Amino acid sequence: MEQHHTRSQALAQHVRRFYDRKQAFRVFHGGSTSTRRMVYNAATSIDTSSFDHVLSVDKESRLALVEPNVNMGKLVDATLPHGLIPAVVPEFASITVGGAFAGTAGESSSFRHGLFEDTVLRIEIILANGEIVNASDEERADLFHGSASAFGTLGVLTMLEVRLVPAKRYMQLALHPVTSSTNAVKKIEELTLEGSVEYLDGILYTPSSGVIMAGSLVDEVPSGHKAVRFSRRTDPWFYISDLDGKAFSALNHHFIPIKDYLFRYDRAAFWTAAWAFKYCYIQNWAFQRWLLDSIIKTPKMLHAFNKSGLANQYIVQDIAIPFDHIPEYINTIDKETGIWPLWLCPLKQIRSWPLRPTDPQVPDKLMNVGIWGPGSRDLVKFVEQNRHLETRARDLHGIKCLYAQVYSSEDEFWQMYDRASYEQLREKYDAHTLPAVYDKVGKNSAIEEIRRREGSKKEYYKGKAKDFWIVRGVYGAVCMLIEGGIQMKK
């Protein structure tokens, strides 16, 4: 802890210097799972990438003290020897604790425990004036609640206290086939009521086929069963194993080592690597998946996705919708984009934050729909597709996850969220040298590209040349091979 305090004091002094100069600054974390393109400069940023330590794991209280840049893989590795895991573990091992708290994250245990931010009991945060403070339900509760899903716009996180739950060696996974979105919602509603179900999500492969997966923790694999793995390069991608049945036996229950289950979607980033294969005319066969395994991990894919401009051609949205409206919304997705598969993950809202929608008809229980696939190659149409998905979600009393690019204007954005409460917090904690939330989430590469092309013939023809599939494909592949993620410019 002494080293942590030393690092925190040094960082606080750096933050204070920006405050004294009345100079805006950004926070460089060393990486990101956002789909927004980010550029950092040492003259206008502070570097928190060294805050990547698990400070303590308390088996008795089931709590972990963690610095914000600890990723989920490292946190699980630290807690498992104590027989514990975080109550909510986002699906990618590279997602950080701070990113999950400040940027919204849920997974298959969220129907029980809420979002990851709901499992954080206390934070240590540097205010924009350089003061280091603690915040929790008992102390500075407004700051604690307001910092969740606020994208680091109220202060700089330096430590979080995370709630843990008992772990076991394996996940027993029951697969329930479904034949429609209506059928899927009904099955998920039924399974949420079963006390033995601890983890729950689903995949809709087509409008008429899908699977709902219900998990319970167990210590042993029963006789007659064999554990199935998904973390090695020789293993199948998880979503393919569900689809073709090759990885699973014909029995009703399947057993997966706990860490393989928690990060089952990490290889291939759900199924987005399949879209990358298709884009590059690579056959999605076992040998190709084995050969390219090291470069189709989530961090490299996201980096290439943003650098190459493919973020302006592929839709990436996570949108939570009330259960009753899921069939209607999925029909909208199909008509607007034709994207399949879709991910279903039931969520429970536990706490209310200033950046939650002001719509009183947003229920406590929602279904997240993961929409990841090709959109229109025409930029204007691409933006229209995304805007339609966002506005339709708003009409149906849903919530968009803001890690993905936002296509709403600032006025439209603040029609959905409690601007007055948020700005009161910014004023109270003097956060004006930090970017406001829309300044962060509203930066949209597709809209910016349209404006550049409209303003200059040179940019128009340059953009059209980059739109040629092989240009973006080759550039993205090069980024995956030789570049190491987001960098700080000197």
Protein backbone atom coordinates (compact mmCIF):
# COMPACT_ATOMS: atom_id res chain seq x y z
CA MET A 1 0.00 0.00 0.00
CA GLU A 2 2.91 2.35 0.66
CA GLN A 3 3.96 2.23 -3.00
CA HIS A 4 0.36 2.86 -4.02
CA HIS A 5 0.19 5.96 -1.81
CA THR A 6 3.48 7.23 -3.25
CA ARG A 7 2.23 6.81 -6.82
CA SER A 8 -1.10 8.44 -5.93
CA GLN A 9 0.58 11.47 -4.35
CA ALA A 10 2.81 11.96 -7.39
CA LEU A 11 -0.17 11.69 -9.73
CA ALA A 12 -2.19 14.12 -7.59
CA GLN A 13 0.59 16.70 -7.87
CA HIS A 14 0.53 16.33 -11.65
CA VAL A 15 -3.26 16.81 -11.68
CA ARG A 16 -2.90 19.87 -9.44
CA ARG A 17 -0.47 21.48 -11.89
CA PHE A 18 -3.09 21.29 -14.65
CA TYR A 19 -5.64 22.75 -12.24
CA ASP A 20 -3.39 25.66 -11.29
CA ARG A 21 -2.81 26.45 -14.97
CA LYS A 22 -6.56 26.07 -15.65
CA GLN A 23 -5.52 23.66 -18.41
CA ALA A 24 -7.75 20.83 -19.58
CA PHE A 25 -6.22 17.36 -19.54
CA ARG A 26 -7.06 13.77 -20.42
CA VAL A 27 -6.17 10.50 -18.71
CA PHE A 28 -4.00 7.97 -20.55
CA HIS A 29 -4.67 4.47 -19.24
CA GLY A 30 -2.40 2.54 -21.61
CA GLY A 31 -5.23 0.80 -23.44
CA SER A 32 -8.96 0.75 -24.08
CA THR A 33 -11.81 -1.50 -25.19
CA SER A 34 -13.79 1.45 -26.52
CA THR A 35 -14.61 1.66 -30.22
CA ARG A 36 -13.69 5.36 -30.27
CA ARG A 37 -10.36 6.35 -31.78
CA MET A 38 -8.17 7.98 -29.13
CA VAL A 39 -5.04 10.14 -29.36
CA TYR A 40 -3.06 11.22 -26.28
CA ASN A 41 -0.31 13.81 -25.94
CA ALA A 42 2.06 13.96 -22.99
CA ALA A 43 1.65 17.74 -22.74
CA THR A 44 -2.10 17.49 -22.19
CA SER A 45 -2.48 14.09 -20.51
CA ILE A 46 -1.62 12.32 -17.30
CA ASP A 47 -0.40 8.72 -17.38
CA THR A 48 -2.07 6.23 -15.03
CA SER A 49 -0.83 3.10 -16.81
CA SER A 50 1.35 2.13 -13.81
CA PHE A 51 -1.74 1.78 -11.58
CA ASP A 52 -2.09 -1.91 -12.39
CA HIS A 53 -1.66 -3.70 -9.05
CA VAL A 54 -3.94 -5.93 -7.02
CA LEU A 55 -3.29 -4.46 -3.57
CA SER A 56 -5.08 -7.04 -1.43
CA VAL A 57 -7.58 -9.89 -1.47
CA ASP A 58 -9.44 -10.50 1.80
CA LYS A 59 -10.94 -13.98 1.91
CA GLU A 60 -12.97 -13.32 5.05
CA SER A 61 -14.66 -10.12 3.90
CA ARG A 62 -14.68 -11.22 0.23
CA LEU A 63 -13.22 -7.94 -0.92
CA ALA A 64 -10.36 -6.99 -3.22
CA LEU A 65 -8.52 -3.65 -3.23
CA VAL A 66 -7.47 -3.02 -6.79
CA GLU A 67 -5.86 -0.26 -8.82
CA PRO A 68 -7.89 0.85 -11.85
CA ASN A 69 -5.64 -0.54 -14.60
CA VAL A 70 -5.75 -4.09 -13.30
CA ASN A 71 -7.42 -6.08 -16.04
CA MET A 72 -10.01 -8.76 -15.43
CA GLY A 73 -7.64 -11.59 -16.30
CA LYS A 74 -5.17 -10.41 -13.66
CA LEU A 75 -7.91 -9.86 -11.08
CA VAL A 76 -9.34 -13.35 -11.58
CA ASP A 77 -5.82 -14.83 -11.32
CA ALA A 78 -5.37 -13.01 -8.00
CA THR A 79 -8.70 -14.02 -6.47
CA LEU A 80 -9.03 -17.65 -7.62
CA PRO A 81 -6.32 -18.97 -5.24
CA HIS A 82 -8.51 -17.64 -2.41
CA GLY A 83 -11.54 -19.50 -3.77
CA LEU A 84 -13.13 -16.24 -4.93
CA ILE A 85 -13.98 -14.38 -8.14
CA PRO A 86 -15.50 -10.94 -8.80
CA ALA A 87 -19.30 -11.02 -8.66
CA VAL A 88 -19.40 -9.68 -12.24
CA VAL A 89 -16.57 -10.46 -14.66
CA PRO A 90 -16.79 -8.67 -18.04
CA GLU A 91 -16.15 -11.04 -20.92
CA PHE A 92 -12.77 -9.77 -22.15
CA ALA A 93 -9.68 -10.40 -20.01
CA SER A 94 -8.22 -7.04 -21.12
CA ILE A 95 -11.10 -4.94 -19.72
CA THR A 96 -9.79 -3.06 -16.70
CA VAL A 97 -11.45 -2.64 -13.33
CA GLY A 98 -11.46 1.14 -13.72
CA GLY A 99 -12.80 0.93 -17.26
CA ALA A 100 -15.60 -1.41 -16.20
CA PHE A 101 -16.60 0.92 -13.36
CA ALA A 102 -16.36 4.19 -15.27
CA GLY A 103 -17.50 2.89 -18.65
CA THR A 104 -20.34 0.41 -17.93
CA ALA A 105 -19.86 -3.37 -18.08
CA GLY A 106 -22.15 -6.31 -17.54
CA GLU A 107 -21.97 -10.03 -18.10
CA SER A 108 -23.88 -13.24 -17.53
CA SER A 109 -24.05 -12.80 -13.73
CA SER A 110 -25.54 -9.31 -14.09
CA PHE A 111 -29.11 -10.57 -13.81
CA ARG A 112 -28.19 -11.39 -10.18
CA HIS A 113 -25.55 -8.80 -9.24
CA GLY A 114 -26.18 -5.86 -11.55
CA LEU A 115 -23.47 -4.16 -13.58
CA PHE A 116 -19.82 -4.31 -12.56
CA GLU A 117 -20.13 -0.83 -11.05
CA ASP A 118 -22.80 -2.20 -8.69
CA THR A 119 -20.20 -4.57 -7.20
CA VAL A 120 -17.77 -1.74 -6.34
CA LEU A 121 -18.16 -0.67 -2.71
CA ARG A 122 -15.62 2.14 -2.45
CA ILE A 123 -13.33 4.20 -4.66
CA GLU A 124 -10.27 6.35 -4.13
CA ILE A 125 -10.28 9.22 -6.58
CA ILE A 126 -8.15 12.28 -7.31
CA LEU A 127 -10.34 15.33 -7.82
CA ALA A 128 -9.45 17.80 -10.55
CA ASN A 129 -7.90 20.10 -7.92
CA GLY A 130 -5.44 17.36 -6.91
CA GLU A 131 -7.17 16.32 -3.67
CA ILE A 132 -7.22 12.56 -2.99
CA VAL A 133 -10.53 11.45 -1.45
CA ASN A 134 -12.51 8.29 -0.77
CA ALA A 135 -16.11 7.85 -1.86
CA SER A 136 -18.68 5.19 -0.99
CA ASP A 137 -22.33 4.86 0.02
CA GLU A 138 -21.36 6.32 3.42
CA GLU A 139 -18.84 8.98 2.36
CA ARG A 140 -19.31 11.43 -0.53
CA ALA A 141 -22.11 9.22 -1.82
CA ASP A 142 -22.97 11.66 -4.60
CA LEU A 143 -19.42 11.47 -5.98
CA PHE A 144 -19.38 7.68 -5.63
CA HIS A 145 -22.68 7.23 -7.43
CA GLY A 146 -21.90 9.90 -10.00
CA SER A 147 -18.50 8.48 -10.94
CA ALA A 148 -19.98 5.16 -12.09
CA SER A 149 -20.43 5.15 -15.88
CA ALA A 150 -19.27 8.79 -15.99
CA PHE A 151 -16.19 7.96 -18.08
CA GLY A 152 -13.69 9.58 -15.75
CA THR A 153 -15.23 13.04 -16.02
CA LEU A 154 -15.45 13.74 -12.27
CA GLY A 155 -11.96 12.70 -11.22
CA VAL A 156 -9.10 10.24 -11.70
CA LEU A 157 -9.62 6.80 -10.18
CA THR A 158 -6.68 5.36 -8.25
CA MET A 159 -8.22 2.47 -6.29
CA LEU A 160 -11.45 0.46 -6.10
CA GLU A 161 -12.84 -1.97 -3.54
CA VAL A 162 -14.53 -4.82 -5.41
CA ARG A 163 -16.99 -7.36 -4.02
CA LEU A 164 -16.11 -11.02 -4.55
CA VAL A 165 -18.17 -14.22 -4.47
CA PRO A 166 -17.20 -17.86 -3.85
CA ALA A 167 -15.69 -19.61 -6.85
CA LYS A 168 -15.61 -23.25 -7.86
CA ARG A 169 -13.46 -25.08 -10.38
CA TYR A 170 -16.01 -25.51 -13.15
CA MET A 171 -19.05 -23.95 -14.71
CA GLN A 172 -21.87 -26.40 -15.33
CA LEU A 173 -23.60 -25.01 -18.39
CA ALA A 174 -27.07 -26.07 -19.48
CA LEU A 175 -27.99 -25.30 -23.09
CA HIS A 176 -31.60 -24.52 -23.95
CA PRO A 177 -32.38 -24.30 -27.70
CA VAL A 178 -34.84 -21.57 -28.73
CA THR A 179 -36.64 -20.94 -32.00
CA SER A 180 -37.39 -17.20 -31.86
CA SER A 181 -36.63 -14.02 -29.95
CA THR A 182 -39.97 -14.37 -28.18
CA ASN A 183 -39.07 -17.90 -27.16
CA ALA A 184 -35.63 -16.69 -26.00
CA VAL A 185 -37.08 -13.97 -23.76
CA LYS A 186 -39.56 -16.41 -22.23
CA LYS A 187 -36.82 -18.95 -21.47
CA ILE A 188 -34.56 -16.30 -19.93
CA GLU A 189 -37.42 -15.03 -17.75
CA GLU A 190 -38.05 -18.58 -16.55
CA LEU A 191 -34.38 -19.21 -15.77
CA THR A 192 -33.93 -15.97 -13.81
CA LEU A 193 -36.43 -17.35 -11.31
CA GLU A 194 -34.45 -20.55 -10.74
CA GLY A 195 -32.29 -20.11 -7.66
CA SER A 196 -29.66 -22.56 -8.89
CA VAL A 197 -28.86 -20.49 -12.00
CA GLU A 198 -25.95 -18.12 -11.32
CA TYR A 199 -24.96 -17.13 -14.86
CA LEU A 200 -27.24 -16.56 -17.83
CA ASP A 201 -26.88 -15.36 -21.41
CA GLY A 202 -27.88 -16.35 -24.92
CA ILE A 203 -27.03 -16.26 -28.61
CA LEU A 204 -29.56 -15.84 -31.40
CA TYR A 205 -27.89 -17.21 -34.53
CA THR A 206 -30.82 -16.49 -36.85
CA PRO A 207 -34.42 -15.29 -36.43
CA SER A 208 -35.45 -18.91 -35.86
CA SER A 209 -32.54 -20.50 -33.99
CA GLY A 210 -30.57 -19.76 -30.86
CA VAL A 211 -29.41 -21.06 -27.50
CA ILE A 212 -29.88 -19.83 -23.93
CA MET A 213 -27.04 -20.82 -21.60
CA ALA A 214 -27.60 -21.20 -17.85
CA GLY A 215 -24.58 -21.69 -15.62
CA SER A 216 -24.01 -22.96 -12.09
CA LEU A 217 -20.67 -23.36 -10.32
CA VAL A 218 -19.49 -26.87 -9.39
CA ASP A 219 -16.24 -28.35 -8.08
CA GLU A 220 -16.16 -31.63 -10.00
CA VAL A 221 -16.93 -32.98 -13.45
CA PRO A 222 -19.29 -35.96 -13.03
CA SER A 223 -18.43 -39.36 -14.40
CA GLY A 224 -19.40 -39.64 -18.05
CA HIS A 225 -18.67 -35.98 -18.79
CA LYS A 226 -15.55 -34.29 -20.09
CA ALA A 227 -14.48 -30.71 -19.44
CA VAL A 228 -14.59 -28.47 -22.52
CA ARG A 229 -12.01 -25.70 -22.98
CA PHE A 230 -11.98 -22.46 -24.98
CA SER A 231 -8.79 -20.58 -24.04
CA ARG A 232 -6.14 -22.50 -26.01
CA ARG A 233 -5.37 -21.89 -29.67
CA THR A 234 -6.39 -25.46 -30.46
CA ASP A 235 -9.80 -24.97 -28.84
CA PRO A 236 -12.93 -23.97 -30.78
CA TRP A 237 -14.34 -20.47 -30.54
CA PHE A 238 -17.14 -20.55 -28.00
CA TYR A 239 -19.96 -19.37 -30.24
CA ILE A 240 -19.04 -21.90 -32.93
CA SER A 241 -19.11 -24.72 -30.39
CA ASP A 242 -22.70 -23.82 -29.56
CA LEU A 243 -23.66 -23.59 -33.20
CA ASP A 244 -22.27 -26.83 -34.57
CA GLY A 245 -22.19 -28.96 -31.43
CA LYS A 246 -18.68 -30.27 -32.13
CA ALA A 247 -17.16 -29.12 -28.85
CA PHE A 248 -20.04 -30.16 -26.62
CA SER A 249 -21.28 -33.66 -26.01
CA ALA A 250 -24.86 -34.66 -26.70
CA LEU A 251 -25.64 -34.50 -22.97
CA ASN A 252 -27.74 -31.70 -21.51
CA HIS A 253 -25.04 -30.31 -19.22
CA HIS A 254 -21.49 -29.32 -20.07
CA PHE A 255 -18.55 -28.49 -17.84
CA ILE A 256 -16.06 -25.69 -18.48
CA PRO A 257 -13.07 -24.66 -16.31
CA ILE A 258 -14.12 -21.46 -14.58
CA LYS A 259 -11.57 -19.14 -16.18
CA ASP A 260 -12.29 -20.57 -19.64
CA TYR A 261 -15.97 -19.80 -19.04
CA LEU A 262 -15.43 -16.27 -17.74
CA PHE A 263 -13.40 -15.31 -20.82
CA ARG A 264 -15.10 -17.66 -23.27
CA TYR A 265 -15.77 -14.85 -25.74
CA ASP A 266 -12.26 -13.34 -25.57
CA ARG A 267 -10.82 -15.35 -28.43
CA ALA A 268 -12.42 -13.93 -31.58
CA ALA A 269 -14.11 -11.12 -29.57
CA PHE A 270 -17.44 -12.96 -29.53
CA TRP A 271 -17.76 -13.60 -33.30
CA THR A 272 -16.27 -10.44 -34.74
CA ALA A 273 -13.15 -12.33 -35.85
CA ALA A 274 -15.43 -14.31 -38.15
CA TRP A 275 -16.41 -11.01 -39.80
CA ALA A 276 -12.70 -10.15 -40.12
CA PHE A 277 -12.07 -13.50 -41.81
CA LYS A 278 -14.95 -12.90 -44.19
CA TYR A 279 -13.75 -9.37 -44.98
CA CYS A 280 -10.30 -10.71 -45.90
CA TYR A 281 -11.66 -13.75 -47.76
CA ILE A 282 -10.15 -16.17 -45.22
CA GLN A 283 -12.00 -19.43 -44.69
CA ASN A 284 -13.23 -19.81 -41.11
CA TRP A 285 -11.73 -23.25 -40.61
CA ALA A 286 -9.97 -24.75 -37.58
CA PHE A 287 -6.50 -24.45 -39.14
CA GLN A 288 -6.93 -20.75 -39.94
CA ARG A 289 -8.22 -20.09 -36.43
CA TRP A 290 -5.21 -21.92 -34.98
CA LEU A 291 -2.74 -20.14 -37.25
CA LEU A 292 -4.06 -16.63 -36.57
CA ASP A 293 -4.92 -17.12 -32.89
CA SER A 294 -2.30 -14.70 -31.55
CA ILE A 295 -3.59 -11.74 -33.61
CA ILE A 296 -7.34 -12.23 -33.27
CA LYS A 297 -7.42 -11.50 -29.56
CA THR A 298 -9.68 -8.66 -28.48
CA PRO A 299 -7.08 -5.88 -27.77
CA LYS A 300 -5.36 -6.26 -31.15
CA MET A 301 -8.63 -6.52 -33.02
CA LEU A 302 -10.00 -3.35 -31.40
CA HIS A 303 -6.79 -1.46 -32.16
CA ALA A 304 -6.88 -2.48 -35.82
CA PHE A 305 -10.61 -1.80 -35.98
CA ASN A 306 -10.12 1.81 -34.91
CA LYS A 307 -6.87 2.57 -36.75
CA SER A 308 -8.00 1.17 -40.10
CA GLY A 309 -11.30 3.03 -40.20
CA LEU A 310 -13.33 -0.18 -40.18
CA ALA A 311 -15.18 1.34 -37.22
CA ASN A 312 -16.94 3.40 -39.90
CA GLN A 313 -18.20 0.30 -41.67
CA TYR A 314 -18.97 -2.17 -38.88
CA ILE A 315 -21.74 -1.62 -36.36
CA VAL A 316 -20.76 -2.12 -32.72
CA GLN A 317 -23.60 -1.46 -30.31
CA ASP A 318 -24.71 -2.83 -26.95
CA ILE A 319 -28.24 -1.68 -26.21
CA ALA A 320 -30.37 -2.76 -23.25
CA ILE A 321 -34.10 -3.03 -23.91
CA PRO A 322 -37.07 -3.92 -21.65
CA PHE A 323 -37.91 -7.62 -21.96
CA ASP A 324 -41.35 -6.92 -23.43
CA HIS A 325 -39.87 -4.98 -26.35
CA ILE A 326 -37.04 -7.37 -27.28
CA PRO A 327 -38.83 -9.11 -30.21
CA GLU A 328 -39.78 -5.72 -31.67
CA TYR A 329 -36.26 -4.36 -31.30
CA ILE A 330 -34.63 -7.45 -32.78
CA ASN A 331 -36.98 -7.15 -35.74
CA THR A 332 -35.71 -3.56 -36.16
CA ILE A 333 -32.10 -4.78 -36.09
CA ASP A 334 -32.82 -7.43 -38.70
CA LYS A 335 -34.60 -5.03 -41.06
CA GLU A 336 -32.06 -2.24 -40.62
CA THR A 337 -28.81 -4.25 -40.71
CA GLY A 338 -29.44 -7.98 -41.23
CA ILE A 339 -26.81 -8.67 -38.57
CA TRP A 340 -26.75 -12.14 -36.99
CA PRO A 341 -25.78 -13.57 -34.50
CA LEU A 342 -27.00 -11.34 -31.68
CA TRP A 343 -26.01 -11.64 -28.04
CA LEU A 344 -28.61 -11.58 -25.26
CA CYS A 345 -27.64 -10.81 -21.67
CA PRO A 346 -30.21 -10.04 -18.95
CA LEU A 347 -29.27 -7.17 -16.63
CA LYS A 348 -30.53 -5.86 -13.32
CA GLN A 349 -30.18 -2.18 -12.46
CA ILE A 350 -29.37 -1.85 -8.77
CA ARG A 351 -28.24 1.72 -8.25
CA SER A 352 -29.35 4.91 -9.94
CA TRP A 353 -26.63 7.17 -11.33
CA PRO A 354 -26.88 10.70 -12.78
CA LEU A 355 -25.97 9.36 -16.22
CA ARG A 356 -28.83 6.88 -16.27
CA PRO A 357 -31.72 7.95 -18.52
CA THR A 358 -34.37 10.22 -17.09
CA ASP A 359 -37.09 8.17 -18.82
CA PRO A 360 -39.29 6.91 -15.93
CA GLN A 361 -40.39 3.92 -18.01
CA VAL A 362 -36.92 2.35 -18.11
CA PRO A 363 -37.41 -0.76 -15.92
CA ASP A 364 -34.96 -2.25 -13.43
CA LYS A 365 -34.67 -5.43 -15.51
CA LEU A 366 -33.39 -5.12 -19.06
CA MET A 367 -32.01 -7.34 -21.80
CA ASN A 368 -28.74 -6.26 -23.36
CA VAL A 369 -28.57 -6.94 -27.09
CA GLY A 370 -25.06 -7.14 -28.55
CA ILE A 371 -25.09 -5.98 -32.18
CA TRP A 372 -21.73 -6.52 -33.88
CA GLY A 373 -21.43 -6.85 -37.62
CA PRO A 374 -21.14 -5.14 -41.01
CA GLY A 375 -23.12 -2.00 -41.70
CA SER A 376 -23.46 -0.03 -44.90
CA ARG A 377 -20.27 0.85 -46.80
CA ASP A 378 -21.88 4.22 -47.53
CA LEU A 379 -20.91 6.54 -44.66
CA VAL A 380 -24.13 8.53 -44.61
CA LYS A 381 -26.24 5.37 -44.62
CA PHE A 382 -23.97 3.84 -41.95
CA VAL A 383 -24.59 6.79 -39.63
CA GLU A 384 -28.33 6.58 -40.36
CA GLN A 385 -28.36 2.88 -39.43
CA ASN A 386 -26.71 3.57 -36.08
CA ARG A 387 -28.91 6.57 -35.37
CA HIS A 388 -32.00 4.49 -36.08
CA LEU A 389 -30.84 1.79 -33.67
CA GLU A 390 -30.25 4.42 -30.97
CA THR A 391 -33.49 6.34 -31.48
CA ARG A 392 -35.55 3.16 -31.65
CA ALA A 393 -34.00 2.03 -28.38
CA ARG A 394 -34.94 5.35 -26.81
CA ASP A 395 -38.51 4.99 -28.10
CA LEU A 396 -38.70 1.55 -26.48
CA HIS A 397 -37.39 2.85 -23.12
CA GLY A 398 -33.96 1.28 -23.56
CA ILE A 399 -30.38 2.29 -22.69
CA LYS A 400 -27.37 2.48 -24.98
CA CYS A 401 -23.99 1.41 -23.60
CA LEU A 402 -21.68 4.38 -24.10
CA TYR A 403 -18.42 2.48 -24.63
CA ALA A 404 -19.47 2.39 -28.29
CA GLN A 405 -19.51 5.43 -30.55
CA VAL A 406 -22.48 7.75 -29.98
CA TYR A 407 -24.39 8.96 -33.04
CA SER A 408 -26.76 11.32 -31.21
CA SER A 409 -26.20 15.07 -31.24
CA GLU A 410 -25.38 16.72 -27.92
CA ASP A 411 -28.95 18.04 -27.61
CA GLU A 412 -30.37 14.57 -28.31
CA PHE A 413 -27.93 13.04 -25.82
CA TRP A 414 -29.00 15.33 -23.00
CA GLN A 415 -32.66 14.68 -23.69
CA MET A 416 -31.96 11.17 -22.39
CA TYR A 417 -29.81 11.90 -19.33
CA ASP A 418 -30.04 14.03 -16.20
CA ARG A 419 -27.84 16.91 -17.29
CA ALA A 420 -28.68 19.13 -14.32
CA SER A 421 -27.57 16.56 -11.71
CA TYR A 422 -24.43 15.72 -13.66
CA GLU A 423 -23.39 19.34 -14.09
CA GLN A 424 -24.09 20.06 -10.42
CA LEU A 425 -21.63 17.29 -9.53
CA ARG A 426 -19.06 18.69 -11.96
CA GLU A 427 -19.48 22.10 -10.32
CA LYS A 428 -19.37 20.77 -6.75
CA TYR A 429 -16.18 18.79 -7.33
CA ASP A 430 -14.61 21.44 -9.59
CA ALA A 431 -14.08 19.02 -12.48
CA HIS A 432 -13.77 21.64 -15.23
CA THR A 433 -10.23 20.69 -16.26
CA LEU A 434 -11.54 17.22 -17.11
CA PRO A 435 -13.55 16.67 -20.31
CA ALA A 436 -17.33 16.53 -19.93
CA VAL A 437 -19.01 13.26 -20.74
CA TYR A 438 -20.35 14.18 -24.18
CA ASP A 439 -16.91 15.53 -25.12
CA LYS A 440 -15.65 11.99 -24.56
CA VAL A 441 -18.44 9.73 -25.79
CA GLY A 442 -19.73 12.03 -28.54
CA LYS A 443 -16.52 11.93 -30.58
CA ASN A 444 -17.67 9.99 -33.65
CA SER A 445 -15.23 9.00 -36.38
CA ALA A 446 -17.89 8.38 -39.07
CA ILE A 447 -19.54 11.78 -38.60
CA GLU A 448 -16.13 13.50 -38.55
CA GLU A 449 -15.16 11.71 -41.78
CA ILE A 450 -18.37 12.85 -43.48
CA ARG A 451 -17.62 16.46 -42.50
CA ARG A 452 -14.05 16.21 -43.81
CA ARG A 453 -15.22 14.83 -47.14
CA GLU A 454 -17.91 17.48 -47.48
CA GLY A 455 -15.38 20.23 -46.80
CA SER A 456 -12.72 19.27 -49.32
CA LYS A 457 -12.57 17.47 -52.66
CA LYS A 458 -9.13 16.19 -51.71
CA GLU A 459 -10.50 14.63 -48.52
CA TYR A 460 -13.45 13.24 -50.48
CA TYR A 461 -11.28 11.35 -52.97
CA LYS A 462 -8.80 10.37 -50.27
CA GLY A 463 -11.65 8.91 -48.24
CA LYS A 464 -13.09 7.07 -51.23
CA ALA A 465 -9.68 5.50 -51.88
CA LYS A 466 -9.45 4.35 -48.26
CA ASP A 467 -12.94 2.86 -48.51
CA PHE A 468 -11.65 0.29 -51.01
CA TRP A 469 -11.80 -2.95 -49.04
CA ILE A 470 -8.21 -4.06 -49.58
CA VAL A 471 -6.78 -0.75 -48.30
CA ARG A 472 -8.58 -0.92 -44.96
CA GLY A 473 -8.05 -4.67 -44.72
CA VAL A 474 -4.29 -4.54 -45.29
CA TYR A 475 -3.84 -1.52 -43.01
CA GLY A 476 -5.85 -3.22 -40.26
CA ALA A 477 -3.79 -6.40 -40.61
CA VAL A 478 -0.54 -4.42 -40.37
CA CYS A 479 -1.80 -2.67 -37.22
CA MET A 480 -2.59 -6.04 -35.65
CA LEU A 481 0.86 -7.40 -36.48
CA ILE A 482 3.23 -4.56 -35.63
CA GLU A 483 1.49 -1.99 -33.44
CA GLY A 484 0.98 -2.35 -29.73
CA GLY A 485 -2.22 -0.48 -29.01
CA ILE A 486 -2.92 3.08 -27.92
CA GLN A 487 0.26 5.13 -27.41
CA MET A 488 1.07 8.41 -25.69
CA LYS A 489 2.63 10.95 -28.07
CA LYS A 490 5.62 12.79 -26.65
